[in-house]
Protein backbone atom coordinates (compact mmCIF):
# COMPACT_ATOMS: atom_id res chain seq x y z
CA MET A 1 -0.04 0.01 -0.06
CA SER A 2 1.38 3.31 -0.91
CA LEU A 3 2.60 5.96 1.54
CA GLN A 4 -0.11 8.37 0.39
CA THR A 5 -2.79 5.80 0.81
CA ASN A 6 -1.66 5.08 4.38
CA PHE A 7 -1.63 8.78 5.18
CA LEU A 8 -5.05 9.41 3.82
CA SER A 9 -6.38 6.57 5.98
CA ILE A 10 -4.60 8.04 8.95
CA LEU A 11 -6.36 11.34 8.38
CA VAL A 12 -9.71 9.63 8.32
CA LEU A 13 -8.74 8.19 11.68
CA LEU A 14 -7.81 11.60 13.10
CA ALA A 15 -11.04 13.01 11.81
CA ALA A 16 -12.98 10.33 13.72
CA VAL A 17 -11.07 11.01 16.85
CA PHE A 18 -11.59 14.64 16.50
CA ALA A 19 -15.41 13.95 15.85
CA SER A 20 -15.45 11.82 19.11
CA LEU A 21 -15.04 14.96 21.14
CA HIS A 22 -18.19 16.68 19.55
CA LEU A 23 -20.63 13.97 18.56
CA ILE A 24 -22.25 13.28 22.03
CA ASN A 25 -24.24 16.57 21.55
CA PRO A 26 -23.59 17.53 17.93
CA ASN A 27 -24.78 20.61 16.20
CA GLU A 28 -25.75 20.81 12.60
CA GLN A 29 -22.85 23.05 11.74
CA PHE A 30 -20.32 20.63 13.07
CA LEU A 31 -21.87 17.65 11.27
CA ASN A 32 -21.76 19.51 8.01
CA ILE A 33 -18.06 20.35 8.44
CA PHE A 34 -17.29 16.77 9.21
CA LYS A 35 -19.27 15.46 6.22
CA ASP A 36 -17.58 17.92 3.75
CA PHE A 37 -13.99 17.87 4.96
CA THR A 38 -11.34 17.86 2.26
CA ILE A 39 -7.78 16.70 2.14
CA THR A 40 -4.86 18.39 0.30
CA PRO A 41 -1.96 16.08 0.14
CA PHE A 42 1.70 17.21 -0.72
CA SER A 43 4.83 15.12 -0.70
CA SER A 44 8.59 16.10 -0.48
CA SER A 45 11.79 13.91 -0.27
CA SER A 46 11.58 13.65 3.44
CA TYR A 47 8.17 14.56 4.59
CA SER A 48 4.54 14.16 3.57
CA TYR A 49 1.97 16.80 4.58
CA ALA A 50 -1.69 17.42 4.48
CA CYS A 51 -4.30 19.66 5.82
CA LEU A 52 -7.72 18.43 6.98
CA GLN A 53 -10.30 21.28 6.70
CA LEU A 54 -12.06 20.39 9.92
CA PRO A 55 -11.12 23.16 10.09
CA TYR A 56 -7.37 23.75 9.73
CA ILE A 57 -5.88 20.63 11.05
CA CYS A 58 -2.41 19.98 9.61
CA ILE A 59 -0.39 16.78 10.03
CA PHE A 60 3.27 16.37 9.47
CA PHE A 61 4.94 12.84 9.32
CA ARG A 62 8.24 11.47 8.07
CA GLY A 63 7.98 9.33 5.02
CA HIS A 64 10.77 6.93 5.76
CA HIS A 65 10.97 3.87 7.99
CA HIS A 66 13.70 3.98 10.74
CA ASN A 67 16.03 1.25 11.85
CA HIS A 68 15.48 -0.52 15.15
CA HIS A 69 17.98 1.23 17.40
CA HIS A 70 18.18 4.35 19.65
CA ASN A 71 19.74 7.66 19.28
CA LYS A 72 18.71 8.05 15.62
CA LYS A 73 19.83 11.24 13.84
CA HIS A 74 16.96 13.64 13.17
CA PRO A 75 16.53 14.16 9.40
CA ASP A 76 16.59 17.96 9.94
CA ASP A 77 20.09 17.76 11.51
CA ASP A 78 22.65 19.82 9.62
CA ASP A 79 26.36 19.28 9.22
CA SER A 80 27.37 21.85 11.74
CA GLY A 81 27.53 19.28 14.63
CA ASN A 82 23.96 20.00 15.87
CA THR A 83 22.41 16.56 16.43
CA GLY A 84 19.12 15.37 17.85
CA SER A 85 17.49 12.01 18.44
CA ILE A 86 13.98 11.14 17.49
CA CYS A 87 13.90 9.19 20.65
CA ASP A 88 14.91 12.14 22.84
CA ASP A 89 11.20 12.55 24.07
CA PHE A 90 10.67 8.78 24.68
CA PRO A 91 9.49 8.11 28.30
CA PRO A 92 12.37 6.93 30.51
CA GLY A 93 12.14 3.43 32.05
CA ILE A 94 9.93 1.96 29.20
CA PRO A 95 9.79 -0.84 29.20
CA PRO A 96 10.33 -1.55 32.89
CA PRO A 97 12.35 -4.69 33.85
CA SER A 98 10.31 -7.90 33.84
CA THR A 99 9.49 -9.70 37.16
CA ASN A 100 8.56 -13.18 38.10
CA THR A 101 4.94 -12.54 37.25
CA THR A 102 5.02 -9.86 34.55
CA SER A 103 6.89 -9.48 31.27
CA TYR A 104 7.04 -6.14 29.44
CA LEU A 105 7.37 -5.44 25.73
CA CYS A 106 7.47 -2.17 23.95
CA VAL A 107 6.15 -0.95 20.50
CA ASP A 108 7.09 2.31 18.92
CA GLN A 109 6.75 3.28 15.36
CA LYS A 110 10.10 5.17 15.38
CA GLY A 111 11.98 2.13 16.52
CA CYS A 112 12.66 3.52 20.01
CA CYS A 113 12.05 0.15 21.71
CA ASN A 114 11.71 -3.55 21.02
CA PHE A 115 9.15 -3.56 18.19
CA THR A 116 7.62 -1.17 15.58
CA THR A 117 4.33 -3.16 15.02
CA VAL A 118 1.92 -4.55 17.63
CA GLN A 119 1.72 -7.93 15.88
CA ALA A 120 5.34 -8.55 16.08
CA ALA A 121 5.22 -7.85 19.85
CA VAL A 122 2.21 -10.39 20.18
CA ASN A 123 4.23 -12.92 18.23
CA ALA A 124 7.15 -12.60 20.69
CA VAL A 125 4.97 -13.68 23.68
CA PRO A 126 5.68 -17.27 24.63
CA ASP A 127 2.85 -19.75 23.95
CA LEU A 128 0.86 -20.88 27.03
CA SER A 129 2.71 -18.41 29.30
CA GLN A 130 1.36 -18.03 32.78
CA LYS A 131 2.81 -14.62 33.25
CA ARG A 132 1.12 -11.42 32.44
CA THR A 133 2.76 -9.80 29.39
CA ILE A 134 2.16 -6.01 29.11
CA ILE A 135 2.74 -4.70 25.60
CA TRP A 136 3.45 -0.99 26.10
CA ILE A 137 2.36 0.88 22.86
CA ASN A 138 3.67 4.35 22.26
CA LYS A 139 1.52 7.12 20.75
CA GLY A 140 0.75 6.63 17.08
CA ILE A 141 -1.61 5.04 14.68
CA TYR A 142 -0.53 1.37 13.97
CA TYR A 143 -2.00 0.53 10.55
CA GLU A 144 -1.92 -3.17 10.75
CA LYS A 145 -4.36 -6.04 11.17
CA VAL A 146 -3.56 -7.71 14.68
CA MET A 147 -4.58 -11.29 15.85
CA VAL A 148 -4.03 -12.60 19.39
CA PRO A 149 -4.34 -16.40 19.15
CA ARG A 150 -5.69 -18.70 21.86
CA THR A 151 -2.25 -19.76 22.84
CA LYS A 152 -1.29 -16.35 24.03
CA ALA A 153 -3.29 -15.62 27.20
CA ASN A 154 -2.73 -12.93 29.74
CA ILE A 155 -1.67 -10.08 27.37
CA THR A 156 -2.26 -6.35 28.02
CA PHE A 157 -2.31 -3.69 25.40
CA GLN A 158 -1.26 -0.47 27.21
CA GLY A 159 -1.77 2.52 25.00
CA GLN A 160 -1.09 6.15 25.89
CA GLY A 161 -4.74 7.50 25.54
CA TYR A 162 -7.56 6.51 23.25
CA THR A 163 -7.11 9.69 21.20
CA SER A 164 -3.37 9.15 21.01
CA THR A 165 -2.83 5.45 20.40
CA ALA A 166 -4.79 3.35 17.87
CA ILE A 167 -4.61 0.20 15.80
CA ALA A 168 -6.52 0.63 12.50
CA TRP A 169 -7.33 -1.42 9.43
CA ASN A 170 -10.05 -1.32 6.69
CA ASP A 171 -11.33 -4.85 5.96
CA THR A 172 -15.07 -5.38 5.31
CA ALA A 173 -17.16 -8.56 5.29
CA LYS A 174 -16.62 -8.54 1.46
CA SER A 175 -12.79 -8.15 1.61
CA ALA A 176 -12.36 -10.48 4.60
CA ASN A 177 -14.81 -13.26 3.42
CA GLY A 178 -17.13 -12.76 6.23
CA THR A 179 -18.08 -10.21 8.92
CA PHE A 180 -16.44 -12.25 11.70
CA TYR A 181 -13.00 -12.06 10.01
CA SER A 182 -13.14 -8.32 9.20
CA GLY A 183 -11.88 -7.16 12.51
CA SER A 184 -8.86 -4.89 12.64
CA VAL A 185 -7.93 -6.65 15.78
CA GLN A 186 -9.12 -10.15 16.64
CA VAL A 187 -8.63 -11.53 20.26
CA PHE A 188 -9.18 -15.40 20.85
CA ALA A 189 -7.06 -15.62 23.96
CA SER A 190 -8.38 -15.45 27.42
CA ASN A 191 -7.50 -12.84 30.12
CA PHE A 192 -6.87 -10.11 27.61
CA ILE A 193 -6.69 -6.53 28.91
CA ALA A 194 -6.57 -3.27 26.95
CA LYS A 195 -6.08 0.21 28.46
CA ASN A 196 -6.11 3.62 26.94
CA ILE A 197 -6.04 2.53 23.22
CA SER A 198 -8.41 2.65 20.30
CA PHE A 199 -9.41 0.06 17.83
CA MET A 200 -10.64 1.29 14.47
CA ASN A 201 -12.12 0.10 11.16
CA LEU A 202 -11.52 2.70 8.48
CA ALA A 203 -13.92 1.25 5.89
CA PRO A 204 -16.49 3.72 4.55
CA MET A 205 -19.81 4.04 6.39
CA PRO A 206 -22.44 2.05 4.45
CA SER A 207 -26.09 2.94 3.88
CA PRO A 208 -28.55 0.50 5.61
CA GLY A 209 -28.97 -2.74 3.75
CA VAL A 210 -25.72 -2.54 1.72
CA GLU A 211 -24.36 -6.06 1.38
CA GLY A 212 -20.68 -6.97 2.43
CA ALA A 213 -20.18 -3.57 4.10
CA GLN A 214 -19.93 -4.72 7.67
CA ALA A 215 -16.63 -3.59 9.18
CA VAL A 216 -15.40 -4.87 12.59
CA ALA A 217 -12.84 -2.71 14.64
CA ILE A 218 -12.25 -5.60 17.17
CA ARG A 219 -13.56 -9.05 17.67
CA ILE A 220 -13.37 -10.37 21.27
CA SER A 221 -13.76 -14.10 21.46
CA GLY A 222 -11.69 -14.84 24.50
CA ASP A 223 -13.11 -15.21 28.07
CA GLN A 224 -12.40 -12.69 30.81
CA ALA A 225 -11.43 -9.65 28.71
CA GLU A 226 -11.27 -6.13 30.25
CA PHE A 227 -11.14 -2.81 28.54
CA LYS A 228 -10.52 0.50 30.40
CA GLY A 229 -10.40 3.96 28.67
CA CYS A 230 -10.52 2.52 25.20
CA GLY A 231 -12.08 3.76 22.01
CA PHE A 232 -13.95 1.71 19.33
CA PHE A 233 -14.36 3.55 15.99
CA GLY A 234 -16.40 2.15 13.00
CA ALA A 235 -19.89 2.25 11.43
CA GLN A 236 -21.71 -1.03 11.00
CA ASP A 237 -20.72 -3.90 13.40
CA THR A 238 -17.88 -1.80 15.16
CA LEU A 239 -17.57 -3.94 18.22
CA HIS A 240 -17.99 -7.68 17.85
CA ASP A 241 -18.64 -8.70 21.38
CA ASP A 242 -18.50 -12.37 20.21
CA LYS A 243 -18.39 -14.70 23.30
CA GLY A 244 -17.04 -14.85 26.70
CA ARG A 245 -17.32 -12.60 29.78
CA HIS A 246 -16.08 -9.02 29.14
CA TYR A 247 -15.85 -5.71 31.01
CA PHE A 248 -15.78 -2.23 29.60
CA ARG A 249 -15.28 0.85 31.70
CA ASP A 250 -14.92 4.46 30.60
CA CYS A 251 -14.85 3.49 26.91
CA TYR A 252 -16.03 5.50 23.85
CA ILE A 253 -17.99 3.32 21.31
CA GLN A 254 -18.91 4.76 17.94
CA GLY A 255 -21.00 3.32 15.05
CA SER A 256 -24.17 3.33 13.14
CA ILE A 257 -25.79 -0.11 12.55
CA ASP A 258 -25.61 -3.06 15.13
CA PHE A 259 -22.33 -1.46 16.42
CA ILE A 260 -22.21 -3.54 19.52
CA PHE A 261 -23.06 -7.08 18.48
CA GLY A 262 -22.44 -10.77 19.37
CA ASP A 263 -23.23 -13.27 21.94
CA GLY A 264 -20.98 -12.02 24.78
CA ARG A 265 -21.77 -11.84 28.49
CA SER A 266 -20.63 -8.33 29.00
CA PHE A 267 -20.84 -5.33 31.36
CA TYR A 268 -20.51 -1.86 30.05
CA GLU A 269 -19.90 0.85 32.75
CA ASN A 270 -19.50 4.68 32.43
CA CYS A 271 -19.32 4.35 28.56
CA GLU A 272 -20.14 6.99 25.85
CA ILE A 273 -22.14 5.31 23.11
CA VAL A 274 -22.20 7.43 19.94
CA SER A 275 -24.32 6.96 16.79
CA ILE A 276 -22.82 8.42 13.47
CA ALA A 277 -25.93 7.39 11.48
CA ASN A 278 -26.98 10.03 9.03
CA PRO A 279 -29.29 12.76 10.56
CA VAL A 280 -33.00 12.08 9.81
CA PRO A 281 -34.87 15.16 8.46
CA GLN A 282 -37.43 16.56 10.90
CA GLY A 283 -40.83 14.87 10.50
CA TYR A 284 -39.45 11.71 8.95
CA ARG A 285 -39.82 8.53 10.98
CA SER A 286 -37.24 6.27 9.13
CA ILE A 287 -34.80 4.18 11.21
CA ASN A 288 -31.14 4.05 10.09
CA GLY A 289 -29.29 2.58 13.01
CA ALA A 290 -29.27 0.43 16.05
CA VAL A 291 -26.81 0.26 19.06
CA THR A 292 -26.98 -3.47 19.85
CA ALA A 293 -27.63 -6.75 18.12
CA HIS A 294 -27.24 -9.48 20.74
CA GLY A 295 -27.15 -13.06 19.62
CA ARG A 296 -28.45 -15.26 22.38
CA VAL A 297 -29.77 -18.47 20.84
CA SER A 298 -31.21 -20.36 23.87
CA MET A 299 -32.91 -19.62 27.17
CA ASP A 300 -30.28 -21.77 28.84
CA ASP A 301 -27.52 -19.41 27.58
CA ASN A 302 -26.33 -16.96 30.33
CA THR A 303 -25.34 -14.27 27.91
CA GLY A 304 -26.27 -10.60 27.43
CA PHE A 305 -25.28 -7.06 27.30
CA VAL A 306 -25.73 -4.73 30.23
CA PHE A 307 -25.03 -1.01 30.14
CA VAL A 308 -24.80 0.97 33.43
CA ASN A 309 -24.29 4.76 34.08
CA SER A 310 -23.68 5.32 30.37
CA THR A 311 -24.70 7.76 27.73
CA ILE A 312 -26.18 7.46 24.24
CA GLY A 313 -25.98 10.36 21.80
CA GLY A 314 -25.02 11.38 18.36
CA SER A 315 -26.98 11.43 15.14
CA GLY A 316 -29.52 9.47 13.22
CA ARG A 317 -32.79 7.82 14.37
CA ILE A 318 -31.88 4.52 15.96
CA TRP A 319 -33.06 1.62 18.19
CA LEU A 320 -31.41 0.56 21.36
CA GLY A 321 -31.32 -2.95 19.96
CA ARG A 322 -32.69 -5.41 17.64
CA ALA A 323 -33.11 -9.21 18.09
CA TRP A 324 -30.34 -10.68 15.92
CA ARG A 325 -31.13 -14.11 17.54
CA PRO A 326 -34.47 -15.27 19.09
CA TYR A 327 -33.31 -15.00 22.78
CA SER A 328 -31.43 -11.68 22.41
CA ARG A 329 -30.85 -10.09 25.92
CA VAL A 330 -29.89 -6.50 26.53
CA VAL A 331 -30.41 -4.27 29.64
CA PHE A 332 -29.89 -0.56 30.06
CA VAL A 333 -29.51 0.85 33.63
CA SER A 334 -29.17 4.44 34.74
CA THR A 335 -28.33 5.38 31.16
CA THR A 336 -28.99 8.87 29.71
CA MET A 337 -30.40 8.65 26.22
CA SER A 338 -30.83 11.49 23.74
CA ASP A 339 -33.64 11.94 21.46
CA ILE A 340 -32.10 10.06 18.62
CA ILE A 341 -33.68 6.87 20.13
CA ALA A 342 -36.90 6.01 18.48
CA PRO A 343 -39.98 6.02 20.72
CA GLU A 344 -40.48 2.23 20.21
CA GLY A 345 -36.86 1.77 21.52
CA TRP A 346 -36.33 -1.71 20.17
CA ASN A 347 -37.01 -4.00 17.20
CA ASP A 348 -37.75 -7.73 17.07
CA PHE A 349 -35.85 -8.18 13.76
CA ASN A 350 -39.30 -8.10 12.15
CA ASP A 351 -40.02 -11.44 13.60
CA PRO A 352 -42.99 -11.33 16.00
CA SER A 353 -42.31 -14.83 17.14
CA ARG A 354 -39.24 -13.56 19.01
CA ASP A 355 -41.39 -11.23 21.17
CA GLN A 356 -41.88 -14.09 23.63
CA THR A 357 -38.33 -14.96 24.02
CA ILE A 358 -36.23 -11.82 23.80
CA PHE A 359 -35.33 -9.91 27.00
CA TYR A 360 -34.99 -6.20 26.66
CA GLY A 361 -35.11 -4.22 29.95
CA GLU A 362 -34.65 -0.66 31.03
CA TYR A 363 -34.21 0.61 34.54
CA ASN A 364 -33.86 4.06 35.98
CA CYS A 365 -32.77 5.67 32.68
CA SER A 366 -33.17 9.42 31.79
CA GLY A 367 -33.11 11.85 28.96
CA PRO A 368 -35.61 12.54 26.13
CA GLY A 369 -34.82 8.95 24.48
CA ALA A 370 -35.67 7.14 27.73
CA SER A 371 -39.34 7.69 27.78
CA MET A 372 -41.22 4.29 28.15
CA ALA A 373 -44.58 5.65 26.96
CA MET A 374 -44.38 4.28 23.44
CA ARG A 375 -42.09 1.42 24.01
CA ALA A 376 -42.69 -1.82 22.02
CA PRO A 377 -44.97 -4.13 24.15
CA TYR A 378 -42.23 -6.81 24.77
CA VAL A 379 -39.93 -4.29 26.46
CA GLN A 380 -39.64 -4.61 30.22
CA ARG A 381 -39.74 -1.69 32.52
CA LEU A 382 -37.65 -3.42 35.26
CA ASN A 383 -38.54 -2.94 39.04
CA ASP A 384 -35.81 -3.07 41.77
CA THR A 385 -36.02 -6.80 42.12
CA GLN A 386 -35.86 -7.56 38.42
CA ALA A 387 -32.92 -5.13 37.93
CA LEU A 388 -30.84 -6.49 40.76
CA PRO A 389 -28.87 -9.07 38.73
CA PHE A 390 -27.76 -6.52 36.19
CA LEU A 391 -26.65 -3.59 38.58
CA ASN A 392 -22.94 -4.40 38.90
CA ILE A 393 -20.15 -6.57 37.72
CA THR A 394 -21.39 -9.80 39.44
CA PHE A 395 -23.40 -10.14 36.26
CA ILE A 396 -20.05 -11.31 34.57
CA ASP A 397 -18.53 -12.94 37.74
CA GLY A 398 -16.27 -10.03 38.14
CA ASP A 399 -15.45 -11.01 41.66
CA GLN A 400 -13.63 -14.00 40.31
CA TRP A 401 -11.35 -12.45 37.66
CA LEU A 402 -11.41 -8.70 37.37
CA GLU A 403 -8.56 -6.52 38.43
CA ASN A 404 -9.21 -4.22 41.44
CA TYR A 405 -12.52 -5.99 42.06
CA THR A 406 -12.97 -4.36 45.54
CA GLN A 407 -12.86 -0.77 44.08
CA LEU A 408 -15.09 -1.67 41.14
CA ILE A 409 -17.88 -3.31 43.14
CA THR A 410 -18.36 -0.33 45.47
């Protein structure tokens, strides 16, 4: 892939990160600016440059890869003896020394530590290791497809902030031969942790009903996964919460259609959920998005999505969820919902036979989108007793495996 193509993709990512700061309560002027932004690329021998009219965001980056060693000479150094290092601002003490229980690896695009790609660091983790391996990932956008296999449990991705560190790719269901394989990051191992990092799929946002356009940012198929302060950027099928017990705290999740989907048993706490579906003109009742599409297939399966103390905003006219599978289960607790939520709230996948088996509940929610007055008849307004199993991380057995369980439960 050409350098310019990579750069244009990076600009799209930066635009999405910038948009994340505004889309919770977007105004029409901002949405129009974001829709109509332009890119003006320019290349020279040492640098590539572009401006993103969003407005007036300009990015500079070096167009050459660096060797894997420290104290590299800066390309702007002259012959007068003035020298500098592209690693001068690299944090000291990274990576820290390994211990009996924890190993550390380091990823930096400029070559200032062990690896320049995330996948190379994952590959270096010993199979079946019982130690926690923390992969410290420096600021930057890592344009690569990453897979954590089942044999590499107990890995942590430690970024430097979800607006500063990201892994991005642009596969779709069509290009990857299936939605399940389109993820920019795919995690099959157990006990995976991610902190302060974003996962992105840069494929274009499709219109509702377009075939093969699903584009997953991350697929989580391992048990006992934990995400803190992370970002998930995409459109249709952003976050594939596939299977296993998962915990999300203080995360930003963006998408348009079914953008949190799967058959996971997951607890989302203090998360910002943002729809980027196209705005619906005033007076129109069309639906062009949905937050969730849970895939429970049997009453005996103890799976479901629970959202607590979160917010839902953005654009479009969307459902809270639709019944991807007959026993779909989703609960919203103490969540603030903007007026983008359609009054009926939910959809049974246009299959009335599912009305008797799905479990969609709301408890103590607020905001203009939380009114229960016109909710679909199968939606449950939970009372205190009914809501009790969904109020905290015991829903995912968090007392058995989550870090800092004592602080989280209070």
